[in-house]
Amino acid sequence: MKKQMIISFVLALLMSAVAVAQYGAQPPDNSKSGTTVKTVSITGKISSDGTTFVSDKDSKSWTISNPDAVKGHEGHHVTLQAQVDADKNEVHVVGLRMAKDSMQK
């Protein structure tokens, strides 16, 4: 009787280990429904500390999630290629270039 109980216990333990292994092997679901992250080109000014960006179009202020990407451009008027997350009011800078001067004759 003890032998049957031990075998049953070991079998149940092995089955649960297999189930856990299969669950962990599934690829992650990256389809996050309801997110609004998209890559866009926006022109505006980077703050003097390099942590925020103000858009020329609507004067909306965005938090820069990766301030190292704009290092050296603090206070400059730039065009960003960025992934915009409207839910978090945040931009992740993918690319940057100095904006053309609109005051040229």
PDB file of N, CA and C in Angstrom:
ATOM      1  N   MET A   1       0.819  -1.178   0.000  1.00  0.00           N
ATOM      2  CA  MET A   1       0.000   0.000   0.000  1.00  0.00           C
ATOM      3  C   MET A   1       0.876   1.260   0.000  1.00  0.00           C
ATOM      4  N   LYS A   2       1.912   1.248   0.847  1.00  0.00           N
ATOM      5  CA  LYS A   2       2.814   2.388   0.886  1.00  0.00           C
ATOM      6  C   LYS A   2       3.490   2.591  -0.466  1.00  0.00           C
ATOM      7  N   LYS A   3       3.834   1.489  -1.100  1.00  0.00           N
ATOM      8  CA  LYS A   3       4.523   1.551  -2.382  1.00  0.00           C
ATOM      9  C   LYS A   3       3.627   2.207  -3.438  1.00  0.00           C
ATOM     10  N   GLN A   4       2.344   1.881  -3.432  1.00  0.00           N
ATOM     11  CA  GLN A   4       1.411   2.462  -4.389  1.00  0.00           C
ATOM     12  C   GLN A   4       1.235   3.967  -4.137  1.00  0.00           C
ATOM     13  N   MET A   5       1.180   4.361  -2.891  1.00  0.00           N
ATOM     14  CA  MET A   5       1.037   5.779  -2.552  1.00  0.00           C
ATOM     15  C   MET A   5       2.280   6.564  -2.983  1.00  0.00           C
ATOM     16  N   ILE A   6       3.451   6.004  -2.767  1.00  0.00           N
ATOM     17  CA  ILE A   6       4.690   6.667  -3.169  1.00  0.00           C
ATOM     18  C   ILE A   6       4.744   6.802  -4.696  1.00  0.00           C
ATOM     19  N   ILE A   7       4.372   5.735  -5.390  1.00  0.00           N
ATOM     20  CA  ILE A   7       4.362   5.782  -6.856  1.00  0.00           C
ATOM     21  C   ILE A   7       3.351   6.818  -7.344  1.00  0.00           C
ATOM     22  N   SER A   8       2.177   6.870  -6.731  1.00  0.00           N
ATOM     23  CA  SER A   8       1.155   7.860  -7.103  1.00  0.00           C
ATOM     24  C   SER A   8       1.659   9.286  -6.854  1.00  0.00           C
ATOM     25  N   PHE A   9       2.305   9.480  -5.715  1.00  0.00           N
ATOM     26  CA  PHE A   9       2.835  10.801  -5.384  1.00  0.00           C
ATOM     27  C   PHE A   9       3.912  11.224  -6.386  1.00  0.00           C
ATOM     28  N   VAL A  10       4.839  10.341  -6.703  1.00  0.00           N
ATOM     29  CA  VAL A  10       5.907  10.638  -7.653  1.00  0.00           C
ATOM     30  C   VAL A  10       5.322  10.913  -9.038  1.00  0.00           C
ATOM     31  N   LEU A  11       4.329  10.131  -9.446  1.00  0.00           N
ATOM     32  CA  LEU A  11       3.688  10.326 -10.742  1.00  0.00           C
ATOM     33  C   LEU A  11       2.988  11.686 -10.799  1.00  0.00           C
ATOM     34  N   ALA A  12       2.290  12.051  -9.748  1.00  0.00           N
ATOM     35  CA  ALA A  12       1.618  13.353  -9.690  1.00  0.00           C
ATOM     36  C   ALA A  12       2.638  14.493  -9.724  1.00  0.00           C
ATOM     37  N   LEU A  13       3.747  14.322  -9.041  1.00  0.00           N
ATOM     38  CA  LEU A  13       4.799  15.329  -9.024  1.00  0.00           C
ATOM     39  C   LEU A  13       5.407  15.508 -10.412  1.00  0.00           C
ATOM     40  N   LEU A  14       5.661  14.396 -11.090  1.00  0.00           N
ATOM     41  CA  LEU A  14       6.219  14.459 -12.448  1.00  0.00           C
ATOM     42  C   LEU A  14       5.250  15.117 -13.422  1.00  0.00           C
ATOM     43  N   MET A  15       3.973  14.799 -13.310  1.00  0.00           N
ATOM     44  CA  MET A  15       2.969  15.387 -14.208  1.00  0.00           C
ATOM     45  C   MET A  15       2.868  16.903 -13.997  1.00  0.00           C
ATOM     46  N   SER A  16       2.921  17.341 -12.759  1.00  0.00           N
ATOM     47  CA  SER A  16       2.847  18.782 -12.516  1.00  0.00           C
ATOM     48  C   SER A  16       4.109  19.473 -13.009  1.00  0.00           C
ATOM     49  N   ALA A  17       5.256  18.816 -12.896  1.00  0.00           N
ATOM     50  CA  ALA A  17       6.503  19.401 -13.408  1.00  0.00           C
ATOM     51  C   ALA A  17       6.447  19.545 -14.921  1.00  0.00           C
ATOM     52  N   VAL A  18       5.877  18.562 -15.601  1.00  0.00           N
ATOM     53  CA  VAL A  18       5.725  18.638 -17.060  1.00  0.00           C
ATOM     54  C   VAL A  18       4.785  19.773 -17.430  1.00  0.00           C
ATOM     55  N   ALA A  19       3.699  19.927 -16.692  1.00  0.00           N
ATOM     56  CA  ALA A  19       2.739  20.998 -16.968  1.00  0.00           C
ATOM     57  C   ALA A  19       3.384  22.367 -16.788  1.00  0.00           C
ATOM     58  N   VAL A  20       4.174  22.539 -15.744  1.00  0.00           N
ATOM     59  CA  VAL A  20       4.861  23.813 -15.503  1.00  0.00           C
ATOM     60  C   VAL A  20       5.873  24.087 -16.606  1.00  0.00           C
ATOM     61  N   ALA A  21       6.589  23.070 -17.040  1.00  0.00           N
ATOM     62  CA  ALA A  21       7.584  23.238 -18.096  1.00  0.00           C
ATOM     63  C   ALA A  21       6.920  23.651 -19.402  1.00  0.00           C
ATOM     64  N   GLN A  22       5.767  23.087 -19.717  1.00  0.00           N
ATOM     65  CA  GLN A  22       5.057  23.455 -20.936  1.00  0.00           C
ATOM     66  C   GLN A  22       4.537  24.884 -20.846  1.00  0.00           C
ATOM     67  N   TYR A  23       4.068  25.282 -19.707  1.00  0.00           N
ATOM     68  CA  TYR A  23       3.558  26.641 -19.529  1.00  0.00           C
ATOM     69  C   TYR A  23       4.675  27.663 -19.706  1.00  0.00           C
ATOM     70  N   GLY A  24       5.853  27.391 -19.159  1.00  0.00           N
ATOM     71  CA  GLY A  24       6.982  28.304 -19.258  1.00  0.00           C
ATOM     72  C   GLY A  24       7.570  28.365 -20.652  1.00  0.00           C
ATOM     73  N   ALA A  25       7.338  27.353 -21.482  1.00  0.00           N
ATOM     74  CA  ALA A  25       7.904  27.308 -22.826  1.00  0.00           C
ATOM     75  C   ALA A  25       7.087  28.099 -23.838  1.00  0.00           C
ATOM     76  N   GLN A  26       5.920  28.591 -23.467  1.00  0.00           N
ATOM     77  CA  GLN A  26       5.092  29.352 -24.392  1.00  0.00           C
ATOM     78  C   GLN A  26       5.707  30.716 -24.651  1.00  0.00           C
ATOM     79  N   PRO A  27       5.668  31.189 -25.920  1.00  0.00           N
ATOM     80  CA  PRO A  27       6.217  32.510 -26.216  1.00  0.00           C
ATOM     81  C   PRO A  27       5.368  33.595 -25.550  1.00  0.00           C
ATOM     82  N   PRO A  28       5.984  34.700 -25.147  1.00  0.00           N
ATOM     83  CA  PRO A  28       5.228  35.766 -24.493  1.00  0.00           C
ATOM     84  C   PRO A  28       4.257  36.423 -25.465  1.00  0.00           C
ATOM     85  N   ASP A  29       3.152  36.902 -24.955  1.00  0.00           N
ATOM     86  CA  ASP A  29       2.150  37.583 -25.763  1.00  0.00           C
ATOM     87  C   ASP A  29       2.506  39.058 -25.833  1.00  0.00           C
ATOM     88  N   ASN A  30       2.990  39.496 -26.992  1.00  0.00           N
ATOM     89  CA  ASN A  30       3.402  40.892 -27.167  1.00  0.00           C
ATOM     90  C   ASN A  30       2.319  41.730 -27.820  1.00  0.00           C
ATOM     91  N   SER A  31       1.121  41.230 -27.883  1.00  0.00           N
ATOM     92  CA  SER A  31       0.053  41.940 -28.573  1.00  0.00           C
ATOM     93  C   SER A  31      -0.699  42.908 -27.672  1.00  0.00           C
ATOM     94  N   LYS A  32      -0.173  43.227 -26.520  1.00  0.00           N
ATOM     95  CA  LYS A  32      -0.746  44.142 -25.535  1.00  0.00           C
ATOM     96  C   LYS A  32      -1.917  44.951 -26.091  1.00  0.00           C
ATOM     97  N   SER A  33      -3.101  44.489 -25.849  1.00  0.00           N
ATOM     98  CA  SER A  33      -4.267  45.190 -26.357  1.00  0.00           C
ATOM     99  C   SER A  33      -4.442  46.512 -25.626  1.00  0.00           C
ATOM    100  N   GLY A  34      -4.813  47.538 -26.378  1.00  0.00           N
ATOM    101  CA  GLY A  34      -5.073  48.833 -25.789  1.00  0.00           C
ATOM    102  C   GLY A  34      -3.869  49.758 -25.702  1.00  0.00           C
ATOM    103  N   THR A  35      -2.699  49.327 -26.163  1.00  0.00           N
ATOM    104  CA  THR A  35      -1.547  50.214 -26.110  1.00  0.00           C
ATOM    105  C   THR A  35      -1.548  51.122 -27.331  1.00  0.00           C
ATOM    106  N   THR A  36      -0.916  52.287 -27.195  1.00  0.00           N
ATOM    107  CA  THR A  36      -0.911  53.264 -28.273  1.00  0.00           C
ATOM    108  C   THR A  36       0.510  53.666 -28.613  1.00  0.00           C
ATOM    109  N   VAL A  37       1.426  52.717 -28.639  1.00  0.00           N
ATOM    110  CA  VAL A  37       2.813  53.010 -28.955  1.00  0.00           C
ATOM    111  C   VAL A  37       2.983  52.931 -30.469  1.00  0.00           C
ATOM    112  N   LYS A  38       3.481  54.037 -31.079  1.00  0.00           N
ATOM    113  CA  LYS A  38       3.734  54.054 -32.512  1.00  0.00           C
ATOM    114  C   LYS A  38       4.922  54.962 -32.786  1.00  0.00           C
ATOM    115  N   THR A  39       5.631  54.689 -33.888  1.00  0.00           N
ATOM    116  CA  THR A  39       6.789  55.497 -34.246  1.00  0.00           C
ATOM    117  C   THR A  39       6.347  56.648 -35.145  1.00  0.00           C
ATOM    118  N   VAL A  40       6.742  57.865 -34.773  1.00  0.00           N
ATOM    119  CA  VAL A  40       6.366  59.058 -35.529  1.00  0.00           C
ATOM    120  C   VAL A  40       7.552  60.011 -35.607  1.00  0.00           C
ATOM    121  N   SER A  41       7.421  60.998 -36.463  1.00  0.00           N
ATOM    122  CA  SER A  41       8.408  62.065 -36.585  1.00  0.00           C
ATOM    123  C   SER A  41       7.771  63.331 -36.028  1.00  0.00           C
ATOM    124  N   ILE A  42       8.376  63.912 -34.996  1.00  0.00           N
ATOM    125  CA  ILE A  42       7.838  65.129 -34.384  1.00  0.00           C
ATOM    126  C   ILE A  42       8.944  66.158 -34.196  1.00  0.00           C
ATOM    127  N   THR A  43       8.574  67.410 -34.388  1.00  0.00           N
ATOM    128  CA  THR A  43       9.525  68.512 -34.262  1.00  0.00           C
ATOM    129  C   THR A  43       9.185  69.329 -33.024  1.00  0.00           C
ATOM    130  N   GLY A  44      10.221  69.740 -32.317  1.00  0.00           N
ATOM    131  CA  GLY A  44      10.023  70.532 -31.115  1.00  0.00           C
ATOM    132  C   GLY A  44      11.342  70.823 -30.434  1.00  0.00           C
ATOM    133  N   LYS A  45      11.272  71.177 -29.175  1.00  0.00           N
ATOM    134  CA  LYS A  45      12.459  71.572 -28.427  1.00  0.00           C
ATOM    135  C   LYS A  45      12.669  70.648 -27.236  1.00  0.00           C
ATOM    136  N   ILE A  46      13.929  70.266 -27.039  1.00  0.00           N
ATOM    137  CA  ILE A  46      14.310  69.451 -25.890  1.00  0.00           C
ATOM    138  C   ILE A  46      14.599  70.390 -24.724  1.00  0.00           C
ATOM    139  N   SER A  47      14.173  70.007 -23.538  1.00  0.00           N
ATOM    140  CA  SER A  47      14.393  70.843 -22.358  1.00  0.00           C
ATOM    141  C   SER A  47      15.887  70.957 -22.052  1.00  0.00           C
ATOM    142  N   SER A  48      16.232  71.921 -21.232  1.00  0.00           N
ATOM    143  CA  SER A  48      17.640  72.157 -20.904  1.00  0.00           C
ATOM    144  C   SER A  48      18.262  71.017 -20.113  1.00  0.00           C
ATOM    145  N   ASP A  49      17.433  70.218 -19.421  1.00  0.00           N
ATOM    146  CA  ASP A  49      17.977  69.077 -18.692  1.00  0.00           C
ATOM    147  C   ASP A  49      17.884  67.767 -19.489  1.00  0.00           C
ATOM    148  N   GLY A  50      17.269  67.812 -20.681  1.00  0.00           N
ATOM    149  CA  GLY A  50      17.213  66.653 -21.562  1.00  0.00           C
ATOM    150  C   GLY A  50      16.217  65.581 -21.168  1.00  0.00           C
ATOM    151  N   THR A  51      15.280  65.896 -20.293  1.00  0.00           N
ATOM    152  CA  THR A  51      14.320  64.879 -19.848  1.00  0.00           C
ATOM    153  C   THR A  51      12.924  65.053 -20.441  1.00  0.00           C
ATOM    154  N   THR A  52      12.651  66.227 -21.025  1.00  0.00           N
ATOM    155  CA  THR A  52      11.336  66.455 -21.625  1.00  0.00           C
ATOM    156  C   THR A  52      11.477  67.045 -23.021  1.00  0.00           C
ATOM    157  N   PHE A  53      10.418  66.909 -23.790  1.00  0.00           N
ATOM    158  CA  PHE A  53      10.361  67.395 -25.160  1.00  0.00           C
ATOM    159  C   PHE A  53       9.034  68.109 -25.341  1.00  0.00           C
ATOM    160  N   VAL A  54       9.053  69.310 -25.934  1.00  0.00           N
ATOM    161  CA  VAL A  54       7.829  70.065 -26.179  1.00  0.00           C
ATOM    162  C   VAL A  54       7.615  70.150 -27.684  1.00  0.00           C
ATOM    163  N   SER A  55       6.477  69.646 -28.132  1.00  0.00           N
ATOM    164  CA  SER A  55       6.143  69.607 -29.548  1.00  0.00           C
ATOM    165  C   SER A  55       5.794  70.992 -30.074  1.00  0.00           C
ATOM    166  N   ASP A  56       6.253  71.315 -31.308  1.00  0.00           N
ATOM    167  CA  ASP A  56       5.907  72.585 -31.943  1.00  0.00           C
ATOM    168  C   ASP A  56       4.432  72.617 -32.343  1.00  0.00           C
ATOM    169  N   LYS A  57       3.928  71.479 -32.757  1.00  0.00           N
ATOM    170  CA  LYS A  57       2.583  71.400 -33.313  1.00  0.00           C
ATOM    171  C   LYS A  57       1.503  71.799 -32.310  1.00  0.00           C
ATOM    172  N   ASP A  58       1.542  71.219 -31.121  1.00  0.00           N
ATOM    173  CA  ASP A  58       0.484  71.475 -30.143  1.00  0.00           C
ATOM    174  C   ASP A  58       1.001  71.896 -28.766  1.00  0.00           C
ATOM    175  N   SER A  59       2.290  72.155 -28.668  1.00  0.00           N
ATOM    176  CA  SER A  59       2.946  72.554 -27.421  1.00  0.00           C
ATOM    177  C   SER A  59       2.772  71.529 -26.309  1.00  0.00           C
ATOM    178  N   LYS A  60       2.555  70.280 -26.697  1.00  0.00           N
ATOM    179  CA  LYS A  60       2.410  69.214 -25.712  1.00  0.00           C
ATOM    180  C   LYS A  60       3.783  68.810 -25.198  1.00  0.00           C
ATOM    181  N   SER A  61       3.870  68.589 -23.907  1.00  0.00           N
ATOM    182  CA  SER A  61       5.124  68.196 -23.272  1.00  0.00           C
ATOM    183  C   SER A  61       5.148  66.685 -23.092  1.00  0.00           C
ATOM    184  N   TRP A  62       6.261  66.075 -23.485  1.00  0.00           N
ATOM    185  CA  TRP A  62       6.441  64.632 -23.392  1.00  0.00           C
ATOM    186  C   TRP A  62       7.660  64.340 -22.527  1.00  0.00           C
ATOM    187  N   THR A  63       7.614  63.275 -21.749  1.00  0.00           N
ATOM    188  CA  THR A  63       8.771  62.806 -20.990  1.00  0.00           C
ATOM    189  C   THR A  63       9.607  61.937 -21.915  1.00  0.00           C
ATOM    190  N   ILE A  64      10.921  62.148 -21.934  1.00  0.00           N
ATOM    191  CA  ILE A  64      11.821  61.339 -22.754  1.00  0.00           C
ATOM    192  C   ILE A  64      12.251  60.136 -21.920  1.00  0.00           C
ATOM    193  N   SER A  65      11.906  58.929 -22.386  1.00  0.00           N
ATOM    194  CA  SER A  65      12.186  57.717 -21.609  1.00  0.00           C
ATOM    195  C   SER A  65      13.652  57.315 -21.666  1.00  0.00           C
ATOM    196  N   ASN A  66      14.368  57.757 -22.695  1.00  0.00           N
ATOM    197  CA  ASN A  66      15.790  57.437 -22.817  1.00  0.00           C
ATOM    198  C   ASN A  66      16.594  58.727 -23.050  1.00  0.00           C
ATOM    199  N   PRO A  67      16.803  59.524 -22.002  1.00  0.00           N
ATOM    200  CA  PRO A  67      17.467  60.820 -22.146  1.00  0.00           C
ATOM    201  C   PRO A  67      18.899  60.743 -22.688  1.00  0.00           C
ATOM    202  N   ASP A  68      19.551  59.584 -22.596  1.00  0.00           N
ATOM    203  CA  ASP A  68      20.902  59.449 -23.153  1.00  0.00           C
ATOM    204  C   ASP A  68      20.890  59.604 -24.670  1.00  0.00           C
ATOM    205  N   ALA A  69      19.760  59.310 -25.311  1.00  0.00           N
ATOM    206  CA  ALA A  69      19.655  59.405 -26.773  1.00  0.00           C
ATOM    207  C   ALA A  69      19.671  60.853 -27.256  1.00  0.00           C
ATOM    208  N   VAL A  70      19.372  61.809 -26.385  1.00  0.00           N
ATOM    209  CA  VAL A  70      19.352  63.216 -26.781  1.00  0.00           C
ATOM    210  C   VAL A  70      20.503  64.003 -26.151  1.00  0.00           C
ATOM    211  N   LYS A  71      21.423  63.291 -25.534  1.00  0.00           N
ATOM    212  CA  LYS A  71      22.560  63.940 -24.865  1.00  0.00           C
ATOM    213  C   LYS A  71      23.322  64.812 -25.872  1.00  0.00           C
ATOM    214  N   GLY A  72      23.609  66.031 -25.480  1.00  0.00           N
ATOM    215  CA  GLY A  72      24.305  66.974 -26.340  1.00  0.00           C
ATOM    216  C   GLY A  72      23.353  67.857 -27.133  1.00  0.00           C
ATOM    217  N   HIS A  73      22.061  67.581 -27.066  1.00  0.00           N
ATOM    218  CA  HIS A  73      21.068  68.374 -27.795  1.00  0.00           C
ATOM    219  C   HIS A  73      20.118  69.096 -26.845  1.00  0.00           C
ATOM    220  N   GLU A  74      20.486  69.195 -25.574  1.00  0.00           N
ATOM    221  CA  GLU A  74      19.653  69.872 -24.592  1.00  0.00           C
ATOM    222  C   GLU A  74      19.431  71.321 -25.017  1.00  0.00           C
ATOM    223  N   GLY A  75      18.167  71.763 -25.005  1.00  0.00           N
ATOM    224  CA  GLY A  75      17.815  73.128 -25.373  1.00  0.00           C
ATOM    225  C   GLY A  75      17.738  73.363 -26.874  1.00  0.00           C
ATOM    226  N   HIS A  76      17.981  72.343 -27.695  1.00  0.00           N
ATOM    227  CA  HIS A  76      17.970  72.500 -29.145  1.00  0.00           C
ATOM    228  C   HIS A  76      16.586  72.229 -29.737  1.00  0.00           C
ATOM    229  N   HIS A  77      16.372  72.822 -30.913  1.00  0.00           N
ATOM    230  CA  HIS A  77      15.168  72.586 -31.698  1.00  0.00           C
ATOM    231  C   HIS A  77      15.478  71.419 -32.637  1.00  0.00           C
ATOM    232  N   VAL A  78      14.774  70.302 -32.493  1.00  0.00           N
ATOM    233  CA  VAL A  78      15.109  69.072 -33.206  1.00  0.00           C
ATOM    234  C   VAL A  78      13.866  68.408 -33.799  1.00  0.00           C
ATOM    235  N   THR A  79      14.124  67.450 -34.687  1.00  0.00           N
ATOM    236  CA  THR A  79      13.080  66.558 -35.178  1.00  0.00           C
ATOM    237  C   THR A  79      13.422  65.168 -34.678  1.00  0.00           C
ATOM    238  N   LEU A  80      12.493  64.581 -33.947  1.00  0.00           N
ATOM    239  CA  LEU A  80      12.710  63.261 -33.368  1.00  0.00           C
ATOM    240  C   LEU A  80      11.992  62.187 -34.179  1.00  0.00           C
ATOM    241  N   GLN A  81      12.644  61.064 -34.339  1.00  0.00           N
ATOM    242  CA  GLN A  81      11.972  59.832 -34.738  1.00  0.00           C
ATOM    243  C   GLN A  81      11.793  59.114 -33.412  1.00  0.00           C
ATOM    244  N   ALA A  82      10.562  58.947 -32.997  1.00  0.00           N
ATOM    245  CA  ALA A  82      10.332  58.424 -31.653  1.00  0.00           C
ATOM    246  C   ALA A  82       9.107  57.531 -31.600  1.00  0.00           C
ATOM    247  N   GLN A  83       9.139  56.623 -30.651  1.00  0.00           N
ATOM    248  CA  GLN A  83       7.969  55.804 -30.352  1.00  0.00           C
ATOM    249  C   GLN A  83       7.193  56.552 -29.284  1.00  0.00           C
ATOM    250  N   VAL A  84       5.974  56.927 -29.625  1.00  0.00           N
ATOM    251  CA  VAL A  84       5.152  57.736 -28.742  1.00  0.00           C
ATOM    252  C   VAL A  84       4.174  56.834 -27.995  1.00  0.00           C
ATOM    253  N   ASP A  85       4.175  56.953 -26.682  1.00  0.00           N
ATOM    254  CA  ASP A  85       3.216  56.233 -25.850  1.00  0.00           C
ATOM    255  C   ASP A  85       2.296  57.276 -25.223  1.00  0.00           C
ATOM    256  N   ALA A  86       1.140  57.468 -25.853  1.00  0.00           N
ATOM    257  CA  ALA A  86       0.204  58.492 -25.407  1.00  0.00           C
ATOM    258  C   ALA A  86      -0.362  58.191 -24.017  1.00  0.00           C
ATOM    259  N   ASP A  87      -0.482  56.907 -23.679  1.00  0.00           N
ATOM    260  CA  ASP A  87      -1.014  56.535 -22.363  1.00  0.00           C
ATOM    261  C   ASP A  87      -0.107  57.007 -21.234  1.00  0.00           C
ATOM    262  N   LYS A  88       1.201  56.921 -21.449  1.00  0.00           N
ATOM    263  CA  LYS A  88       2.172  57.326 -20.425  1.00  0.00           C
ATOM    264  C   LYS A  88       2.689  58.739 -20.653  1.00  0.00           C
ATOM    265  N   ASN A  89       2.262  59.383 -21.763  1.00  0.00           N
ATOM    266  CA  ASN A  89       2.736  60.721 -22.124  1.00  0.00           C
ATOM    267  C   ASN A  89       4.262  60.719 -22.217  1.00  0.00           C
ATOM    268  N   GLU A  90       4.790  59.755 -22.980  1.00  0.00           N
ATOM    269  CA  GLU A  90       6.219  59.488 -23.007  1.00  0.00           C
ATOM    270  C   GLU A  90       6.682  59.215 -24.440  1.00  0.00           C
ATOM    271  N   VAL A  91       7.915  59.614 -24.758  1.00  0.00           N
ATOM    272  CA  VAL A  91       8.520  59.287 -26.051  1.00  0.00           C
ATOM    273  C   VAL A  91       9.813  58.513 -25.814  1.00  0.00           C
ATOM    274  N   HIS A  92      10.058  57.533 -26.678  1.00  0.00           N
ATOM    275  CA  HIS A  92      11.304  56.779 -26.668  1.00  0.00           C
ATOM    276  C   HIS A  92      12.013  57.151 -27.961  1.00  0.00           C
ATOM    277  N   VAL A  93      13.108  57.889 -27.863  1.00  0.00           N
ATOM    278  CA  VAL A  93      13.796  58.422 -29.033  1.00  0.00           C
ATOM    279  C   VAL A  93      14.526  57.311 -29.776  1.00  0.00           C
ATOM    280  N   VAL A  94      14.207  57.186 -31.082  1.00  0.00           N
ATOM    281  CA  VAL A  94      14.846  56.215 -31.951  1.00  0.00           C
ATOM    282  C   VAL A  94      15.912  56.915 -32.788  1.00  0.00           C
ATOM    283  N   GLY A  95      15.609  58.136 -33.234  1.00  0.00           N
ATOM    284  CA  GLY A  95      16.550  58.921 -34.026  1.00  0.00           C
ATOM    285  C   GLY A  95      16.324  60.402 -33.775  1.00  0.00           C
ATOM    286  N   LEU A  96      17.326  61.222 -34.123  1.00  0.00           N
ATOM    287  CA  LEU A  96      17.249  62.654 -33.859  1.00  0.00           C
ATOM    288  C   LEU A  96      18.040  63.401 -34.912  1.00  0.00           C
ATOM    289  N   ARG A  97      17.523  64.532 -35.357  1.00  0.00           N
ATOM    290  CA  ARG A  97      18.289  65.420 -36.232  1.00  0.00           C
ATOM    291  C   ARG A  97      17.895  66.853 -35.909  1.00  0.00           C
ATOM    292  N   MET A  98      18.822  67.744 -36.133  1.00  0.00           N
ATOM    293  CA  MET A  98      18.557  69.158 -35.883  1.00  0.00           C
ATOM    294  C   MET A  98      17.462  69.618 -36.840  1.00  0.00           C
ATOM    295  N   ALA A  99      16.506  70.398 -36.333  1.00  0.00           N
ATOM    296  CA  ALA A  99      15.406  70.891 -37.156  1.00  0.00           C
ATOM    297  C   ALA A  99      15.906  72.029 -38.033  1.00  0.00           C
ATOM    298  N   LYS A 100      15.321  72.139 -39.218  1.00  0.00           N
ATOM    299  CA  LYS A 100      15.670  73.245 -40.111  1.00  0.00           C
ATOM    300  C   LYS A 100      15.174  74.535 -39.515  1.00  0.00           C
ATOM    301  N   ASP A 101      15.967  75.578 -39.667  1.00  0.00           N
ATOM    302  CA  ASP A 101      15.604  76.882 -39.119  1.00  0.00           C
ATOM    303  C   ASP A 101      14.472  77.471 -39.938  1.00  0.00           C
ATOM    304  N   SER A 102      13.349  77.752 -39.312  1.00  0.00           N
ATOM    305  CA  SER A 102      12.190  78.299 -40.017  1.00  0.00           C
ATOM    306  C   SER A 102      12.327  79.777 -40.280  1.00  0.00           C
ATOM    307  N   MET A 103      13.378  80.420 -39.750  1.00  0.00           N
ATOM    308  CA  MET A 103      13.583  81.854 -39.925  1.00  0.00           C
ATOM    309  C   MET A 103      14.499  82.180 -41.098  1.00  0.00           C
ATOM    310  N   GLN A 104      14.877  81.187 -41.902  1.00  0.00           N
ATOM    311  CA  GLN A 104      15.755  81.436 -43.041  1.00  0.00           C
ATOM    312  C   GLN A 104      15.019  82.243 -44.101  1.00  0.00           C
ATOM    313  N   LYS A 105      15.775  83.084 -44.841  1.00  0.00           N
ATOM    314  CA  LYS A 105      15.175  83.914 -45.897  1.00  0.00           C
ATOM    315  C   LYS A 105      15.434  83.308 -47.235  1.00  0.00           C
TER     316      LYS A 105
END
